[in-house]
Amino acid sequence: MNIYVTRPYDTFHPDPPHIHTNLYLIKTKSHPPQIRNRVNQADIDDGRRDGLTTAERDELRHLRQECRILGEEKEIEARAAPWFAEQSPGSTPRRRSGS
């Protein structure tokens, strides 16, 4: 027994989904935000609009990440320095207040 199951899309739209979506966008002249953002970024990359290019955005993201990591490393070193000073040979033990 062969049962042929069709998707509802096949019965209503004979065109592939991407063609139907493109036709809808052309007819309505409205674009989802993702498409609009990509088109705007392509215009910036091609020099037709002002703004940060994709390469500049990548560089900025990389520099911000590097700055954040360096700040974390600096904080760790600042917290560890007193401990290492106590552990080094030849250093006098630090007295705690209140003893």
Protein backbone atom coordinates (compact mmCIF):
# COMPACT_ATOMS: atom_id res chain seq x y z
CA MET A 1 0.00 0.00 0.00
CA ASN A 2 1.55 3.27 -1.11
CA ILE A 3 0.48 6.41 0.65
CA TYR A 4 1.56 9.70 -0.85
CA VAL A 5 1.62 12.51 1.68
CA THR A 6 1.86 16.06 0.44
CA ARG A 7 2.77 19.07 2.46
CA PRO A 8 0.15 21.82 2.60
CA TYR A 9 2.67 24.11 0.89
CA ASP A 10 2.74 21.88 -2.21
CA THR A 11 -1.00 22.07 -2.67
CA PHE A 12 -1.21 25.87 -2.42
CA HIS A 13 2.09 27.08 -3.86
CA PRO A 14 3.63 25.25 -6.79
CA ASP A 15 6.76 27.43 -6.65
CA PRO A 16 9.62 26.62 -4.27
CA PRO A 17 9.45 28.49 -0.94
CA HIS A 18 12.31 30.89 -1.71
CA ILE A 19 10.65 32.04 -4.94
CA HIS A 20 7.37 32.62 -3.13
CA THR A 21 9.18 34.63 -0.42
CA ASN A 22 11.01 36.73 -3.01
CA LEU A 23 7.78 37.42 -4.89
CA TYR A 24 6.11 38.48 -1.64
CA LEU A 25 8.98 40.85 -0.85
CA ILE A 26 8.87 42.35 -4.33
CA LYS A 27 5.09 42.80 -4.26
CA THR A 28 4.88 44.31 -0.78
CA LYS A 29 8.19 46.22 -0.89
CA SER A 30 8.70 45.30 2.75
CA HIS A 31 11.70 43.42 3.98
CA PRO A 32 12.30 41.59 7.23
CA PRO A 33 14.85 43.34 9.47
CA GLN A 34 17.54 40.74 8.73
CA ILE A 35 17.39 41.38 4.99
CA ARG A 36 17.25 45.14 5.46
CA ASN A 37 20.26 45.05 7.79
CA ARG A 38 22.28 42.97 5.33
CA VAL A 39 21.41 45.27 2.44
CA ASN A 40 22.35 48.33 4.51
CA GLN A 41 25.65 46.72 5.55
CA ALA A 42 26.41 45.84 1.91
CA ASP A 43 25.81 49.49 0.97
CA ILE A 44 28.21 50.59 3.72
CA ASP A 45 30.84 48.08 2.58
CA ASP A 46 30.50 49.32 -1.01
CA GLY A 47 30.84 52.95 0.06
CA ARG A 48 27.30 54.02 -0.82
CA ARG A 49 26.42 54.78 2.83
CA ASP A 50 28.25 56.12 5.86
CA GLY A 51 29.05 53.78 8.73
CA LEU A 52 31.46 51.11 9.93
CA THR A 53 32.39 48.52 7.34
CA THR A 54 32.25 44.82 8.17
CA ALA A 55 36.03 44.73 8.57
CA GLU A 56 35.92 47.73 10.91
CA ARG A 57 33.14 46.13 12.95
CA ASP A 58 35.14 42.90 13.24
CA GLU A 59 38.24 44.83 14.32
CA LEU A 60 36.26 46.83 16.88
CA ARG A 61 34.70 43.67 18.31
CA HIS A 62 38.14 42.03 18.51
CA LEU A 63 39.69 45.06 20.24
CA ARG A 64 36.85 45.28 22.78
CA GLN A 65 37.23 41.58 23.56
CA GLU A 66 41.01 41.98 23.94
CA CYS A 67 40.52 45.00 26.22
CA ARG A 68 38.09 43.06 28.39
CA ILE A 69 40.51 40.12 28.70
CA LEU A 70 43.42 42.42 29.57
CA GLY A 71 41.31 44.09 32.27
CA GLU A 72 40.44 40.69 33.76
CA GLU A 73 44.12 39.66 33.71
CA LYS A 74 45.13 42.91 35.39
CA GLU A 75 42.55 42.36 38.13
CA ILE A 76 43.77 38.79 38.72
CA GLU A 77 47.40 39.96 38.92
CA ALA A 78 46.47 42.72 41.37
CA ARG A 79 44.74 40.20 43.63
CA ALA A 80 47.55 37.64 43.36
CA ALA A 81 50.49 40.01 43.95
CA PRO A 82 50.12 40.21 47.76
CA TRP A 83 49.84 36.43 48.02
CA PHE A 84 52.97 35.90 45.93
CA ALA A 85 54.80 38.51 48.02
CA GLU A 86 54.04 36.49 51.16
CA GLN A 87 55.16 33.23 49.56
CA SER A 88 58.51 34.44 48.25
CA PRO A 89 61.60 33.20 50.15
CA GLY A 90 63.31 35.73 52.39
CA SER A 91 60.22 37.82 52.95
CA THR A 92 59.06 38.57 56.43
CA PRO A 93 55.66 37.22 57.34
CA ARG A 94 53.00 39.85 57.31
CA ARG A 95 51.27 40.45 60.58
CA ARG A 96 47.55 40.47 60.60
CA SER A 97 45.81 43.28 62.37
CA GLY A 98 44.01 42.42 65.57
CA SER A 99 46.40 39.66 66.73
